[in-house]
Amino acid sequence: MGITLACQWGLGRHHAAVPAARYESFLRSYYAAQMLLLASLVTAKMSAVELIIAIKPRPAILTACRSLIVLLALWAVGGVTALGLQCRPPRPWDIDAGVCVNLGGLYAALAAINIATDVALIAVPAVLVWSDLLLPKKRWEVIAVFGIRIV
């Protein structure tokens, strides 16, 4: 919803073509959308990890899953906090005020963790099905189901 509102209020248009009142609404909507996006990514990934846990894997895989849940929770708390404080209060959404953290660095760090957790969400089930006694065709089918997220 935040991105939809941001599009209505100016996302994709040149800054000079957007009235000041609409631009302020755009900044607020985009600010909220960033935090909601991160929260939804984390919950989707945690759901996938819970699916793996529901299979009742051997202890090593279970430990990897629990470690991944802790990493995801830390990423969620740290990422939402960093996005929430990306610019100086009382206007943390105002990226034009010039008192923000290095936004490129912040976004790159969040993206790197996103990619790393995606790789982990492919590797853990791959190890799980490869080590269990499944037919080779079934192994590749399960790996493909979890690996489709790379696309």
Protein backbone atom coordinates (compact mmCIF):
# COMPACT_ATOMS: atom_id res chain seq x y z
CA MET A 1 0.00 0.00 0.00
CA GLY A 2 2.85 2.39 0.82
CA ILE A 3 4.36 2.02 -2.66
CA THR A 4 0.93 2.49 -4.27
CA LEU A 5 0.48 5.73 -2.36
CA ALA A 6 4.02 6.79 -3.17
CA CYS A 7 3.26 6.28 -6.89
CA GLN A 8 0.10 8.37 -6.58
CA TRP A 9 2.06 11.12 -4.86
CA GLY A 10 5.06 11.29 -7.15
CA LEU A 11 7.17 8.13 -7.33
CA GLY A 12 8.57 7.88 -10.85
CA ARG A 13 8.16 11.57 -11.66
CA HIS A 14 10.78 14.27 -11.71
CA HIS A 15 10.99 16.08 -8.38
CA ALA A 16 10.25 19.45 -10.00
CA ALA A 17 7.02 18.08 -11.51
CA VAL A 18 5.56 17.11 -8.13
CA PRO A 19 3.84 19.75 -5.96
CA ALA A 20 5.48 20.22 -2.55
CA ALA A 21 2.51 18.86 -0.58
CA ARG A 22 2.39 15.73 -2.72
CA TYR A 23 6.14 15.28 -2.49
CA GLU A 24 5.96 15.33 1.31
CA SER A 25 3.27 12.62 1.17
CA PHE A 26 5.43 10.63 -1.25
CA LEU A 27 8.41 10.78 1.12
CA ARG A 28 6.31 9.60 4.06
CA SER A 29 4.73 6.76 2.07
CA TYR A 30 8.04 5.59 0.68
CA TYR A 31 9.59 5.73 4.15
CA ALA A 32 6.84 3.50 5.56
CA ALA A 33 6.96 1.16 2.54
CA GLN A 34 10.68 0.48 3.06
CA MET A 35 10.13 -0.74 6.60
CA LEU A 36 7.04 -2.76 5.67
CA LEU A 37 8.90 -4.39 2.78
CA LEU A 38 11.68 -5.53 5.07
CA ALA A 39 9.20 -6.87 7.63
CA SER A 40 7.32 -8.80 4.95
CA LEU A 41 10.55 -10.26 3.51
CA VAL A 42 11.60 -11.47 6.94
CA THR A 43 8.23 -13.05 7.73
CA ALA A 44 8.14 -14.82 4.35
CA LYS A 45 11.64 -16.20 4.91
CA MET A 46 10.80 -17.27 8.45
CA SER A 47 7.77 -19.07 7.09
CA ALA A 48 9.99 -21.01 4.68
CA VAL A 49 12.33 -21.92 7.53
CA GLU A 50 9.38 -23.09 9.65
CA LEU A 51 8.32 -25.31 6.75
CA ILE A 52 11.75 -26.95 6.81
CA ILE A 53 11.53 -27.37 10.59
CA ALA A 54 8.09 -28.99 10.22
CA ILE A 55 9.71 -31.76 8.18
CA LYS A 56 11.58 -32.71 11.36
CA PRO A 57 15.10 -32.76 9.90
CA ARG A 58 18.13 -34.23 11.61
CA PRO A 59 19.73 -32.14 14.41
CA ALA A 60 22.38 -30.43 12.25
CA ILE A 61 19.74 -29.10 9.83
CA LEU A 62 17.52 -28.11 12.75
CA THR A 63 20.40 -26.13 14.26
CA ALA A 64 21.00 -24.40 10.91
CA CYS A 65 17.29 -23.52 10.71
CA ARG A 66 17.24 -22.09 14.22
CA SER A 67 20.39 -20.09 13.50
CA LEU A 68 18.76 -18.74 10.35
CA ILE A 69 15.68 -17.69 12.35
CA VAL A 70 17.91 -15.80 14.80
CA LEU A 71 19.75 -14.12 11.90
CA LEU A 72 16.44 -13.16 10.28
CA ALA A 73 15.10 -11.74 13.55
CA LEU A 74 18.28 -9.68 14.05
CA TRP A 75 18.09 -8.48 10.44
CA ALA A 76 14.45 -7.47 10.95
CA VAL A 77 15.06 -5.53 14.15
CA GLY A 78 18.30 -3.93 12.95
CA GLY A 79 17.03 -3.21 9.46
CA VAL A 80 13.72 -1.68 10.49
CA THR A 81 15.50 0.38 13.15
CA ALA A 82 18.12 1.57 10.64
CA LEU A 83 15.46 2.41 8.06
CA GLY A 84 13.38 4.15 10.71
CA LEU A 85 16.34 6.31 11.72
CA GLN A 86 17.83 6.79 8.25
CA CYS A 87 17.50 10.57 8.54
CA ARG A 88 17.58 12.85 11.56
CA PRO A 89 14.34 13.16 13.58
CA PRO A 90 11.83 14.79 13.73
CA ARG A 91 11.59 14.19 9.95
CA PRO A 92 13.25 10.79 9.40
CA TRP A 93 11.60 10.46 5.97
CA ASP A 94 13.08 13.70 4.58
CA ILE A 95 15.96 12.45 2.43
CA ASP A 96 16.37 15.92 0.87
CA ALA A 97 17.31 17.59 4.16
CA GLY A 98 20.88 16.27 3.87
CA VAL A 99 21.12 14.88 7.41
CA CYS A 100 20.82 11.19 6.57
CA VAL A 101 23.12 8.24 6.98
CA ASN A 102 24.83 6.89 3.87
CA LEU A 103 21.65 5.58 2.23
CA GLY A 104 23.53 3.72 -0.49
CA GLY A 105 25.55 1.88 2.13
CA LEU A 106 22.46 1.13 4.21
CA TYR A 107 20.56 -0.26 1.22
CA ALA A 108 23.60 -2.27 0.09
CA ALA A 109 24.01 -3.82 3.55
CA LEU A 110 20.32 -4.75 3.73
CA ALA A 111 20.47 -6.21 0.21
CA ALA A 112 23.60 -8.25 1.03
CA ILE A 113 21.87 -9.82 4.02
CA ASN A 114 18.79 -10.46 1.87
CA ILE A 115 20.91 -12.28 -0.72
CA ALA A 116 22.81 -14.26 1.92
CA THR A 117 19.60 -15.44 3.59
CA ASP A 118 18.16 -16.39 0.19
CA VAL A 119 21.23 -18.52 -0.48
CA ALA A 120 20.84 -20.11 2.95
CA LEU A 121 17.18 -20.83 2.22
CA ILE A 122 18.28 -22.75 -0.85
CA ALA A 123 21.29 -24.47 0.71
CA VAL A 124 19.59 -25.80 3.84
CA PRO A 125 16.81 -27.71 2.04
CA ALA A 126 19.31 -28.82 -0.63
CA VAL A 127 21.51 -30.40 2.04
CA LEU A 128 18.42 -31.87 3.68
CA VAL A 129 17.10 -33.63 0.58
CA TRP A 130 20.52 -34.55 -0.79
CA SER A 131 21.51 -36.40 2.36
CA ASP A 132 18.21 -38.21 2.79
CA LEU A 133 17.37 -41.25 0.78
CA LEU A 134 15.30 -39.73 -2.00
CA LEU A 135 15.33 -40.69 -5.63
CA PRO A 136 17.56 -38.34 -7.64
CA LYS A 137 14.58 -36.94 -9.56
CA LYS A 138 12.79 -36.08 -6.31
CA ARG A 139 15.93 -34.45 -4.93
CA TRP A 140 16.13 -32.08 -7.88
CA GLU A 141 12.40 -31.32 -7.71
CA VAL A 142 12.61 -30.27 -4.05
CA ILE A 143 15.78 -28.26 -4.65
CA ALA A 144 14.10 -26.56 -7.62
CA VAL A 145 11.08 -25.61 -5.51
CA PHE A 146 13.27 -23.85 -2.95
CA GLY A 147 15.72 -22.58 -5.60
CA ILE A 148 13.06 -20.79 -7.65
CA ARG A 149 13.48 -17.77 -5.37
CA ILE A 150 16.80 -16.99 -7.08
CA VAL A 151 14.89 -16.17 -10.26
